[in-house]
């Protein structure tokens, strides 16, 4: 859990992902299209990825990826990010934490 907290605070936007997950790809693309440069941690490509995935599950991420942290706080997965986007709340949140400059 401590490693997740440390990694989640390294940039304004942090995404825990798996390289083979289509929803992770969709969420990363959404942020890239906004001009956000998130820290991406591909759990299937890093050492300790399985332990991080278990910690994300304990935090309530189900499925475990994508797991998006904004401003060091867990926002949620694809459903939560898309809900924020559709309600026009995502961009103001990104601006507030310094993840989006425009």
PDB file of N, CA and C in Angstrom:
ATOM      1  N   UNK A   1       0.831  -1.195   0.000  1.00  0.00           N
ATOM      2  CA  UNK A   1       0.000   0.000   0.000  1.00  0.00           C
ATOM      3  C   UNK A   1       0.874   1.258   0.000  1.00  0.00           C
ATOM      4  N   UNK A   2       1.973   1.210   0.729  1.00  0.00           N
ATOM      5  CA  UNK A   2       2.867   2.360   0.803  1.00  0.00           C
ATOM      6  C   UNK A   2       3.458   2.693  -0.565  1.00  0.00           C
ATOM      7  N   UNK A   3       3.783   1.658  -1.326  1.00  0.00           N
ATOM      8  CA  UNK A   3       4.346   1.884  -2.660  1.00  0.00           C
ATOM      9  C   UNK A   3       3.322   2.551  -3.578  1.00  0.00           C
ATOM     10  N   UNK A   4       2.069   2.136  -3.468  1.00  0.00           N
ATOM     11  CA  UNK A   4       1.004   2.747  -4.275  1.00  0.00           C
ATOM     12  C   UNK A   4       0.891   4.224  -3.932  1.00  0.00           C
ATOM     13  N   UNK A   5       0.877   4.540  -2.646  1.00  0.00           N
ATOM     14  CA  UNK A   5       0.767   5.932  -2.200  1.00  0.00           C
ATOM     15  C   UNK A   5       1.934   6.763  -2.712  1.00  0.00           C
ATOM     16  N   UNK A   6       3.134   6.209  -2.634  1.00  0.00           N
ATOM     17  CA  UNK A   6       4.321   6.933  -3.108  1.00  0.00           C
ATOM     18  C   UNK A   6       4.253   7.166  -4.613  1.00  0.00           C
ATOM     19  N   UNK A   7       3.928   6.125  -5.381  1.00  0.00           N
ATOM     20  CA  UNK A   7       3.843   6.264  -6.833  1.00  0.00           C
ATOM     21  C   UNK A   7       2.713   7.206  -7.241  1.00  0.00           C
ATOM     22  N   UNK A   8       1.598   7.164  -6.515  1.00  0.00           N
ATOM     23  CA  UNK A   8       0.426   7.984  -6.854  1.00  0.00           C
ATOM     24  C   UNK A   8       0.682   9.468  -6.649  1.00  0.00           C
ATOM     25  N   UNK A   9       1.683   9.810  -5.873  1.00  0.00           N
ATOM     26  CA  UNK A   9       1.953  11.219  -5.605  1.00  0.00           C
ATOM     27  C   UNK A   9       3.093  11.782  -6.443  1.00  0.00           C
ATOM     28  N   UNK A  10       3.629  11.006  -7.387  1.00  0.00           N
ATOM     29  CA  UNK A  10       4.794  11.473  -8.142  1.00  0.00           C
ATOM     30  C   UNK A  10       4.473  12.504  -9.219  1.00  0.00           C
ATOM     31  N   UNK A  11       3.242  12.530  -9.700  1.00  0.00           N
ATOM     32  CA  UNK A  11       2.806  13.502 -10.708  1.00  0.00           C
ATOM     33  C   UNK A  11       1.354  13.851 -10.429  1.00  0.00           C
ATOM     34  N   UNK A  12       0.851  14.948 -11.013  1.00  0.00           N
ATOM     35  CA  UNK A  12      -0.560  15.296 -10.798  1.00  0.00           C
ATOM     36  C   UNK A  12      -1.536  14.209 -11.248  1.00  0.00           C
ATOM     37  N   UNK A  13      -1.182  13.460 -12.299  1.00  0.00           N
ATOM     38  CA  UNK A  13      -2.031  12.373 -12.782  1.00  0.00           C
ATOM     39  C   UNK A  13      -1.179  11.109 -12.886  1.00  0.00           C
ATOM     40  N   UNK A  14      -1.647  10.055 -12.221  1.00  0.00           N
ATOM     41  CA  UNK A  14      -0.952   8.765 -12.233  1.00  0.00           C
ATOM     42  C   UNK A  14      -1.971   7.694 -12.608  1.00  0.00           C
ATOM     43  N   UNK A  15      -1.581   6.857 -13.558  1.00  0.00           N
ATOM     44  CA  UNK A  15      -2.463   5.787 -14.012  1.00  0.00           C
ATOM     45  C   UNK A  15      -1.748   4.451 -13.833  1.00  0.00           C
ATOM     46  N   UNK A  16      -2.403   3.546 -13.111  1.00  0.00           N
ATOM     47  CA  UNK A  16      -1.939   2.170 -13.016  1.00  0.00           C
ATOM     48  C   UNK A  16      -2.701   1.398 -14.071  1.00  0.00           C
ATOM     49  N   UNK A  17      -1.974   0.667 -14.890  1.00  0.00           N
ATOM     50  CA  UNK A  17      -2.524   0.096 -16.105  1.00  0.00           C
ATOM     51  C   UNK A  17      -1.926  -1.280 -16.351  1.00  0.00           C
ATOM     52  N   UNK A  18      -2.456  -1.955 -17.347  1.00  0.00           N
ATOM     53  CA  UNK A  18      -1.831  -3.156 -17.904  1.00  0.00           C
ATOM     54  C   UNK A  18      -1.751  -2.941 -19.404  1.00  0.00           C
ATOM     55  N   UNK A  19      -0.643  -3.344 -19.980  1.00  0.00           N
ATOM     56  CA  UNK A  19      -0.416  -3.078 -21.399  1.00  0.00           C
ATOM     57  C   UNK A  19      -1.443  -3.764 -22.298  1.00  0.00           C
ATOM     58  N   UNK A  20      -2.060  -4.831 -21.824  1.00  0.00           N
ATOM     59  CA  UNK A  20      -3.028  -5.568 -22.645  1.00  0.00           C
ATOM     60  C   UNK A  20      -4.476  -5.169 -22.374  1.00  0.00           C
ATOM     61  N   UNK A  21      -4.709  -4.192 -21.505  1.00  0.00           N
ATOM     62  CA  UNK A  21      -6.070  -3.816 -21.107  1.00  0.00           C
ATOM     63  C   UNK A  21      -6.614  -2.726 -22.025  1.00  0.00           C
ATOM     64  N   UNK A  22      -7.713  -3.038 -22.728  1.00  0.00           N
ATOM     65  CA  UNK A  22      -8.267  -2.067 -23.677  1.00  0.00           C
ATOM     66  C   UNK A  22      -8.831  -0.836 -22.958  1.00  0.00           C
ATOM     67  N   UNK A  23      -9.405  -0.992 -21.775  1.00  0.00           N
ATOM     68  CA  UNK A  23      -9.938   0.165 -21.046  1.00  0.00           C
ATOM     69  C   UNK A  23      -8.799   1.054 -20.546  1.00  0.00           C
ATOM     70  N   UNK A  24      -7.689   0.442 -20.138  1.00  0.00           N
ATOM     71  CA  UNK A  24      -6.518   1.233 -19.756  1.00  0.00           C
ATOM     72  C   UNK A  24      -6.038   2.060 -20.942  1.00  0.00           C
ATOM     73  N   UNK A  25      -5.991   1.445 -22.112  1.00  0.00           N
ATOM     74  CA  UNK A  25      -5.572   2.153 -23.322  1.00  0.00           C
ATOM     75  C   UNK A  25      -6.506   3.332 -23.604  1.00  0.00           C
ATOM     76  N   UNK A  26      -7.795   3.122 -23.449  1.00  0.00           N
ATOM     77  CA  UNK A  26      -8.786   4.171 -23.701  1.00  0.00           C
ATOM     78  C   UNK A  26      -8.589   5.347 -22.747  1.00  0.00           C
ATOM     79  N   UNK A  27      -8.384   5.063 -21.478  1.00  0.00           N
ATOM     80  CA  UNK A  27      -8.223   6.133 -20.485  1.00  0.00           C
ATOM     81  C   UNK A  27      -6.917   6.888 -20.717  1.00  0.00           C
ATOM     82  N   UNK A  28      -5.844   6.161 -21.022  1.00  0.00           N
ATOM     83  CA  UNK A  28      -4.570   6.835 -21.323  1.00  0.00           C
ATOM     84  C   UNK A  28      -4.725   7.745 -22.538  1.00  0.00           C
ATOM     85  N   UNK A  29      -5.406   7.260 -23.569  1.00  0.00           N
ATOM     86  CA  UNK A  29      -5.623   8.054 -24.777  1.00  0.00           C
ATOM     87  C   UNK A  29      -6.429   9.313 -24.469  1.00  0.00           C
ATOM     88  N   UNK A  30      -7.446   9.193 -23.632  1.00  0.00           N
ATOM     89  CA  UNK A  30      -8.249  10.354 -23.241  1.00  0.00           C
ATOM     90  C   UNK A  30      -7.366  11.425 -22.610  1.00  0.00           C
ATOM     91  N   UNK A  31      -6.531  11.026 -21.666  1.00  0.00           N
ATOM     92  CA  UNK A  31      -5.654  11.998 -21.006  1.00  0.00           C
ATOM     93  C   UNK A  31      -4.637  12.583 -21.979  1.00  0.00           C
ATOM     94  N   UNK A  32      -4.050  11.750 -22.834  1.00  0.00           N
ATOM     95  CA  UNK A  32      -3.109  12.266 -23.831  1.00  0.00           C
ATOM     96  C   UNK A  32      -3.788  13.260 -24.766  1.00  0.00           C
ATOM     97  N   UNK A  33      -5.024  12.981 -25.163  1.00  0.00           N
ATOM     98  CA  UNK A  33      -5.756  13.886 -26.053  1.00  0.00           C
ATOM     99  C   UNK A  33      -6.021  15.238 -25.395  1.00  0.00           C
ATOM    100  N   UNK A  34      -6.144  15.259 -24.074  1.00  0.00           N
ATOM    101  CA  UNK A  34      -6.301  16.520 -23.336  1.00  0.00           C
ATOM    102  C   UNK A  34      -4.986  17.282 -23.233  1.00  0.00           C
ATOM    103  N   UNK A  35      -3.866  16.619 -23.503  1.00  0.00           N
ATOM    104  CA  UNK A  35      -2.563  17.248 -23.327  1.00  0.00           C
ATOM    105  C   UNK A  35      -1.956  16.976 -21.969  1.00  0.00           C
ATOM    106  N   UNK A  36      -2.532  16.037 -21.233  1.00  0.00           N
ATOM    107  CA  UNK A  36      -2.017  15.653 -19.916  1.00  0.00           C
ATOM    108  C   UNK A  36      -0.868  14.671 -20.117  1.00  0.00           C
ATOM    109  N   UNK A  37       0.159  14.787 -19.288  1.00  0.00           N
ATOM    110  CA  UNK A  37       1.285  13.868 -19.341  1.00  0.00           C
ATOM    111  C   UNK A  37       1.309  13.054 -18.038  1.00  0.00           C
ATOM    112  N   UNK A  38       0.504  11.998 -17.979  1.00  0.00           N
ATOM    113  CA  UNK A  38       0.414  11.233 -16.734  1.00  0.00           C
ATOM    114  C   UNK A  38       1.614  10.312 -16.534  1.00  0.00           C
ATOM    115  N   UNK A  39       1.858   9.973 -15.288  1.00  0.00           N
ATOM    116  CA  UNK A  39       2.796   8.891 -14.997  1.00  0.00           C
ATOM    117  C   UNK A  39       2.010   7.605 -15.201  1.00  0.00           C
ATOM    118  N   UNK A  40       2.568   6.694 -15.981  1.00  0.00           N
ATOM    119  CA  UNK A  40       1.906   5.430 -16.291  1.00  0.00           C
ATOM    120  C   UNK A  40       2.724   4.296 -15.689  1.00  0.00           C
ATOM    121  N   UNK A  41       2.055   3.432 -14.949  1.00  0.00           N
ATOM    122  CA  UNK A  41       2.711   2.251 -14.389  1.00  0.00           C
ATOM    123  C   UNK A  41       2.003   1.018 -14.930  1.00  0.00           C
ATOM    124  N   UNK A  42       2.676   0.329 -15.848  1.00  0.00           N
ATOM    125  CA  UNK A  42       2.128  -0.876 -16.459  1.00  0.00           C
ATOM    126  C   UNK A  42       2.418  -2.050 -15.520  1.00  0.00           C
ATOM    127  N   UNK A  43       1.396  -2.516 -14.830  1.00  0.00           N
ATOM    128  CA  UNK A  43       1.590  -3.516 -13.781  1.00  0.00           C
ATOM    129  C   UNK A  43       2.104  -4.844 -14.303  1.00  0.00           C
ATOM    130  N   UNK A  44       1.857  -5.133 -15.567  1.00  0.00           N
ATOM    131  CA  UNK A  44       2.358  -6.380 -16.138  1.00  0.00           C
ATOM    132  C   UNK A  44       3.791  -6.245 -16.659  1.00  0.00           C
ATOM    133  N   UNK A  45       4.373  -5.071 -16.505  1.00  0.00           N
ATOM    134  CA  UNK A  45       5.731  -4.850 -17.014  1.00  0.00           C
ATOM    135  C   UNK A  45       6.718  -4.399 -15.945  1.00  0.00           C
ATOM    136  N   UNK A  46       6.265  -4.160 -14.714  1.00  0.00           N
ATOM    137  CA  UNK A  46       7.162  -3.685 -13.666  1.00  0.00           C
ATOM    138  C   UNK A  46       7.298  -4.735 -12.567  1.00  0.00           C
ATOM    139  N   UNK A  47       8.445  -4.720 -11.902  1.00  0.00           N
ATOM    140  CA  UNK A  47       8.614  -5.643 -10.785  1.00  0.00           C
ATOM    141  C   UNK A  47       7.699  -5.204  -9.644  1.00  0.00           C
ATOM    142  N   UNK A  48       7.090  -6.166  -9.008  1.00  0.00           N
ATOM    143  CA  UNK A  48       6.156  -5.866  -7.934  1.00  0.00           C
ATOM    144  C   UNK A  48       4.782  -5.475  -8.417  1.00  0.00           C
ATOM    145  N   UNK A  49       4.532  -5.645  -9.704  1.00  0.00           N
ATOM    146  CA  UNK A  49       3.242  -5.265 -10.272  1.00  0.00           C
ATOM    147  C   UNK A  49       2.069  -6.019  -9.671  1.00  0.00           C
ATOM    148  N   UNK A  50       2.277  -7.287  -9.368  1.00  0.00           N
ATOM    149  CA  UNK A  50       1.193  -8.092  -8.783  1.00  0.00           C
ATOM    150  C   UNK A  50       0.831  -7.580  -7.386  1.00  0.00           C
ATOM    151  N   UNK A  51       1.837  -7.171  -6.616  1.00  0.00           N
ATOM    152  CA  UNK A  51       1.581  -6.635  -5.271  1.00  0.00           C
ATOM    153  C   UNK A  51       0.844  -5.296  -5.353  1.00  0.00           C
ATOM    154  N   UNK A  52       1.221  -4.478  -6.313  1.00  0.00           N
ATOM    155  CA  UNK A  52       0.526  -3.200  -6.511  1.00  0.00           C
ATOM    156  C   UNK A  52      -0.923  -3.468  -6.909  1.00  0.00           C
ATOM    157  N   UNK A  53      -1.133  -4.439  -7.782  1.00  0.00           N
ATOM    158  CA  UNK A  53      -2.492  -4.774  -8.197  1.00  0.00           C
ATOM    159  C   UNK A  53      -3.336  -5.218  -6.998  1.00  0.00           C
ATOM    160  N   UNK A  54      -2.764  -6.019  -6.125  1.00  0.00           N
ATOM    161  CA  UNK A  54      -3.483  -6.459  -4.923  1.00  0.00           C
ATOM    162  C   UNK A  54      -3.818  -5.274  -4.023  1.00  0.00           C
ATOM    163  N   UNK A  55      -2.891  -4.318  -3.896  1.00  0.00           N
ATOM    164  CA  UNK A  55      -3.146  -3.125  -3.091  1.00  0.00           C
ATOM    165  C   UNK A  55      -4.270  -2.289  -3.692  1.00  0.00           C
ATOM    166  N   UNK A  56      -4.299  -2.190  -5.016  1.00  0.00           N
ATOM    167  CA  UNK A  56      -5.372  -1.439  -5.679  1.00  0.00           C
ATOM    168  C   UNK A  56      -6.728  -2.099  -5.441  1.00  0.00           C
ATOM    169  N   UNK A  57      -6.759  -3.412  -5.469  1.00  0.00           N
ATOM    170  CA  UNK A  57      -7.999  -4.131  -5.177  1.00  0.00           C
ATOM    171  C   UNK A  57      -8.464  -3.846  -3.749  1.00  0.00           C
ATOM    172  N   UNK A  58      -7.513  -3.812  -2.800  1.00  0.00           N
ATOM    173  CA  UNK A  58      -7.858  -3.511  -1.404  1.00  0.00           C
ATOM    174  C   UNK A  58      -8.376  -2.084  -1.255  1.00  0.00           C
ATOM    175  N   UNK A  59      -7.909  -1.184  -2.113  1.00  0.00           N
ATOM    176  CA  UNK A  59      -8.394   0.206  -2.084  1.00  0.00           C
ATOM    177  C   UNK A  59      -9.791   0.343  -2.689  1.00  0.00           C
ATOM    178  N   UNK A  60     -10.269  -0.716  -3.312  1.00  0.00           N
ATOM    179  CA  UNK A  60     -11.610  -0.680  -3.880  1.00  0.00           C
ATOM    180  C   UNK A  60     -11.655  -0.609  -5.393  1.00  0.00           C
ATOM    181  N   UNK A  61     -10.529  -0.697  -6.049  1.00  0.00           N
ATOM    182  CA  UNK A  61     -10.501  -0.699  -7.512  1.00  0.00           C
ATOM    183  C   UNK A  61     -10.891  -2.085  -8.006  1.00  0.00           C
ATOM    184  N   UNK A  62     -12.047  -2.173  -8.623  1.00  0.00           N
ATOM    185  CA  UNK A  62     -12.494  -3.450  -9.139  1.00  0.00           C
ATOM    186  C   UNK A  62     -13.207  -3.205 -10.462  1.00  0.00           C
ATOM    187  N   UNK A  63     -12.599  -3.496 -11.593  1.00  0.00           N
ATOM    188  CA  UNK A  63     -11.324  -4.177 -11.755  1.00  0.00           C
ATOM    189  C   UNK A  63     -10.152  -3.309 -11.304  1.00  0.00           C
ATOM    190  N   UNK A  64      -9.013  -3.950 -11.151  1.00  0.00           N
ATOM    191  CA  UNK A  64      -7.854  -3.249 -10.582  1.00  0.00           C
ATOM    192  C   UNK A  64      -7.272  -2.198 -11.512  1.00  0.00           C
ATOM    193  N   UNK A  65      -7.438  -2.366 -12.817  1.00  0.00           N
ATOM    194  CA  UNK A  65      -6.921  -1.380 -13.769  1.00  0.00           C
ATOM    195  C   UNK A  65      -7.995  -1.032 -14.779  1.00  0.00           C
ATOM    196  N   UNK A  66      -7.999   0.154 -15.310  1.00  0.00           N
ATOM    197  CA  UNK A  66      -7.108   1.246 -14.934  1.00  0.00           C
ATOM    198  C   UNK A  66      -7.504   1.825 -13.582  1.00  0.00           C
ATOM    199  N   UNK A  67      -6.504   2.262 -12.854  1.00  0.00           N
ATOM    200  CA  UNK A  67      -6.727   2.957 -11.585  1.00  0.00           C
ATOM    201  C   UNK A  67      -6.083   4.330 -11.733  1.00  0.00           C
ATOM    202  N   UNK A  68      -6.889   5.369 -11.612  1.00  0.00           N
ATOM    203  CA  UNK A  68      -6.425   6.731 -11.867  1.00  0.00           C
ATOM    204  C   UNK A  68      -6.386   7.521 -10.563  1.00  0.00           C
ATOM    205  N   UNK A  69      -5.222   8.112 -10.320  1.00  0.00           N
ATOM    206  CA  UNK A  69      -5.039   9.002  -9.184  1.00  0.00           C
ATOM    207  C   UNK A  69      -4.837  10.409  -9.732  1.00  0.00           C
ATOM    208  N   UNK A  70      -5.570  11.358  -9.205  1.00  0.00           N
ATOM    209  CA  UNK A  70      -5.435  12.753  -9.610  1.00  0.00           C
ATOM    210  C   UNK A  70      -5.164  13.551  -8.350  1.00  0.00           C
ATOM    211  N   UNK A  71      -4.051  14.275  -8.355  1.00  0.00           N
ATOM    212  CA  UNK A  71      -3.665  15.027  -7.166  1.00  0.00           C
ATOM    213  C   UNK A  71      -3.358  14.124  -5.991  1.00  0.00           C
ATOM    214  N   UNK A  72      -2.869  12.915  -6.268  1.00  0.00           N
ATOM    215  CA  UNK A  72      -2.523  11.975  -5.215  1.00  0.00           C
ATOM    216  C   UNK A  72      -3.699  11.214  -4.634  1.00  0.00           C
ATOM    217  N   UNK A  73      -4.901  11.509  -5.088  1.00  0.00           N
ATOM    218  CA  UNK A  73      -6.109  10.857  -4.569  1.00  0.00           C
ATOM    219  C   UNK A  73      -6.673   9.889  -5.601  1.00  0.00           C
ATOM    220  N   UNK A  74      -7.118   8.732  -5.132  1.00  0.00           N
ATOM    221  CA  UNK A  74      -7.744   7.770  -6.025  1.00  0.00           C
ATOM    222  C   UNK A  74      -9.076   8.324  -6.518  1.00  0.00           C
ATOM    223  N   UNK A  75      -9.191   8.451  -7.835  1.00  0.00           N
ATOM    224  CA  UNK A  75     -10.445   8.893  -8.447  1.00  0.00           C
ATOM    225  C   UNK A  75     -11.265   7.665  -8.837  1.00  0.00           C
ATOM    226  N   UNK A  76     -10.599   6.643  -9.339  1.00  0.00           N
ATOM    227  CA  UNK A  76     -11.289   5.412  -9.700  1.00  0.00           C
ATOM    228  C   UNK A  76     -10.808   4.872 -11.022  1.00  0.00           C
ATOM    229  N   UNK A  77     -11.669   4.080 -11.618  1.00  0.00           N
ATOM    230  CA  UNK A  77     -11.344   3.433 -12.874  1.00  0.00           C
ATOM    231  C   UNK A  77     -11.988   4.118 -14.062  1.00  0.00           C
ATOM    232  N   UNK A  78     -12.153   3.355 -15.126  1.00  0.00           N
ATOM    233  CA  UNK A  78     -12.674   3.900 -16.375  1.00  0.00           C
ATOM    234  C   UNK A  78     -14.066   4.504 -16.207  1.00  0.00           C
ATOM    235  N   UNK A  79     -14.937   3.831 -15.469  1.00  0.00           N
ATOM    236  CA  UNK A  79     -16.302   4.353 -15.301  1.00  0.00           C
ATOM    237  C   UNK A  79     -16.306   5.710 -14.610  1.00  0.00           C
ATOM    238  N   UNK A  80     -15.518   5.841 -13.559  1.00  0.00           N
ATOM    239  CA  UNK A  80     -15.473   7.107 -12.820  1.00  0.00           C
ATOM    240  C   UNK A  80     -14.870   8.228 -13.666  1.00  0.00           C
ATOM    241  N   UNK A  81     -13.812   7.910 -14.406  1.00  0.00           N
ATOM    242  CA  UNK A  81     -13.171   8.928 -15.253  1.00  0.00           C
ATOM    243  C   UNK A  81     -14.130   9.366 -16.359  1.00  0.00           C
ATOM    244  N   UNK A  82     -14.800   8.421 -16.990  1.00  0.00           N
ATOM    245  CA  UNK A  82     -15.731   8.781 -18.060  1.00  0.00           C
ATOM    246  C   UNK A  82     -16.923   9.563 -17.504  1.00  0.00           C
ATOM    247  N   UNK A  83     -17.400   9.224 -16.321  1.00  0.00           N
ATOM    248  CA  UNK A  83     -18.498   9.980 -15.692  1.00  0.00           C
ATOM    249  C   UNK A  83     -18.074  11.416 -15.421  1.00  0.00           C
ATOM    250  N   UNK A  84     -16.854  11.593 -14.911  1.00  0.00           N
ATOM    251  CA  UNK A  84     -16.343  12.953 -14.672  1.00  0.00           C
ATOM    252  C   UNK A  84     -16.233  13.716 -15.989  1.00  0.00           C
ATOM    253  N   UNK A  85     -15.756  13.040 -17.015  1.00  0.00           N
ATOM    254  CA  UNK A  85     -15.597  13.678 -18.323  1.00  0.00           C
ATOM    255  C   UNK A  85     -16.961  14.095 -18.891  1.00  0.00           C
ATOM    256  N   UNK A  86     -17.923  13.198 -18.835  1.00  0.00           N
ATOM    257  CA  UNK A  86     -19.240  13.499 -19.403  1.00  0.00           C
ATOM    258  C   UNK A  86     -19.980  14.580 -18.621  1.00  0.00           C
ATOM    259  N   UNK A  87     -19.683  14.705 -17.328  1.00  0.00           N
ATOM    260  CA  UNK A  87     -20.323  15.756 -16.522  1.00  0.00           C
ATOM    261  C   UNK A  87     -19.517  17.059 -16.553  1.00  0.00           C
ATOM    262  N   UNK A  88     -18.482  17.079 -17.380  1.00  0.00           N
ATOM    263  CA  UNK A  88     -17.611  18.256 -17.548  1.00  0.00           C
ATOM    264  C   UNK A  88     -16.893  18.651 -16.261  1.00  0.00           C
ATOM    265  N   UNK A  89     -16.588  17.660 -15.441  1.00  0.00           N
ATOM    266  CA  UNK A  89     -15.879  17.898 -14.185  1.00  0.00           C
ATOM    267  C   UNK A  89     -14.415  17.505 -14.264  1.00  0.00           C
ATOM    268  N   UNK A  90     -14.040  16.714 -15.258  1.00  0.00           N
ATOM    269  CA  UNK A  90     -12.679  16.196 -15.331  1.00  0.00           C
ATOM    270  C   UNK A  90     -11.660  17.287 -15.629  1.00  0.00           C
ATOM    271  N   UNK A  91     -11.910  18.105 -16.624  1.00  0.00           N
ATOM    272  CA  UNK A  91     -10.936  19.141 -17.002  1.00  0.00           C
ATOM    273  C   UNK A  91     -10.721  20.144 -15.864  1.00  0.00           C
ATOM    274  N   UNK A  92     -11.765  20.646 -15.199  1.00  0.00           N
ATOM    275  CA  UNK A  92     -11.515  21.536 -14.065  1.00  0.00           C
ATOM    276  C   UNK A  92     -10.699  20.862 -12.950  1.00  0.00           C
ATOM    277  N   UNK A  93     -10.948  19.570 -12.717  1.00  0.00           N
ATOM    278  CA  UNK A  93     -10.183  18.840 -11.710  1.00  0.00           C
ATOM    279  C   UNK A  93      -8.717  18.752 -12.114  1.00  0.00           C
ATOM    280  N   UNK A  94      -8.465  18.461 -13.372  1.00  0.00           N
ATOM    281  CA  UNK A  94      -7.086  18.380 -13.862  1.00  0.00           C
ATOM    282  C   UNK A  94      -6.381  19.730 -13.758  1.00  0.00           C
ATOM    283  N   UNK A  95      -7.096  20.806 -14.061  1.00  0.00           N
ATOM    284  CA  UNK A  95      -6.500  22.133 -13.938  1.00  0.00           C
ATOM    285  C   UNK A  95      -6.173  22.465 -12.487  1.00  0.00           C
ATOM    286  N   UNK A  96      -7.072  22.096 -11.591  1.00  0.00           N
ATOM    287  CA  UNK A  96      -6.896  22.400 -10.168  1.00  0.00           C
ATOM    288  C   UNK A  96      -5.655  21.767  -9.575  1.00  0.00           C
ATOM    289  N   UNK A  97      -5.293  20.574 -10.037  1.00  0.00           N
ATOM    290  CA  UNK A  97      -4.126  19.874  -9.483  1.00  0.00           C
ATOM    291  C   UNK A  97      -2.845  20.116 -10.293  1.00  0.00           C
ATOM    292  N   UNK A  98      -2.948  20.911 -11.362  1.00  0.00           N
ATOM    293  CA  UNK A  98      -1.775  21.222 -12.172  1.00  0.00           C
ATOM    294  C   UNK A  98      -1.465  20.165 -13.223  1.00  0.00           C
ATOM    295  N   UNK A  99      -2.449  19.325 -13.529  1.00  0.00           N
ATOM    296  CA  UNK A  99      -2.244  18.309 -14.543  1.00  0.00           C
ATOM    297  C   UNK A  99      -2.543  18.782 -15.942  1.00  0.00           C
ATOM    298  N   UNK A 100      -3.236  19.905 -16.036  1.00  0.00           N
ATOM    299  CA  UNK A 100      -3.621  20.467 -17.333  1.00  0.00           C
ATOM    300  C   UNK A 100      -3.430  21.968 -17.242  1.00  0.00           C
ATOM    301  N   UNK A 101      -2.763  22.538 -18.201  1.00  0.00           N
ATOM    302  CA  UNK A 101      -2.374  23.947 -18.121  1.00  0.00           C
ATOM    303  C   UNK A 101      -3.261  24.855 -18.937  1.00  0.00           C
ATOM    304  N   UNK A 102      -4.000  24.306 -19.874  1.00  0.00           N
ATOM    305  CA  UNK A 102      -4.783  25.152 -20.779  1.00  0.00           C
ATOM    306  C   UNK A 102      -6.201  25.279 -20.282  1.00  0.00           C
TER     307      UNK A 102
END
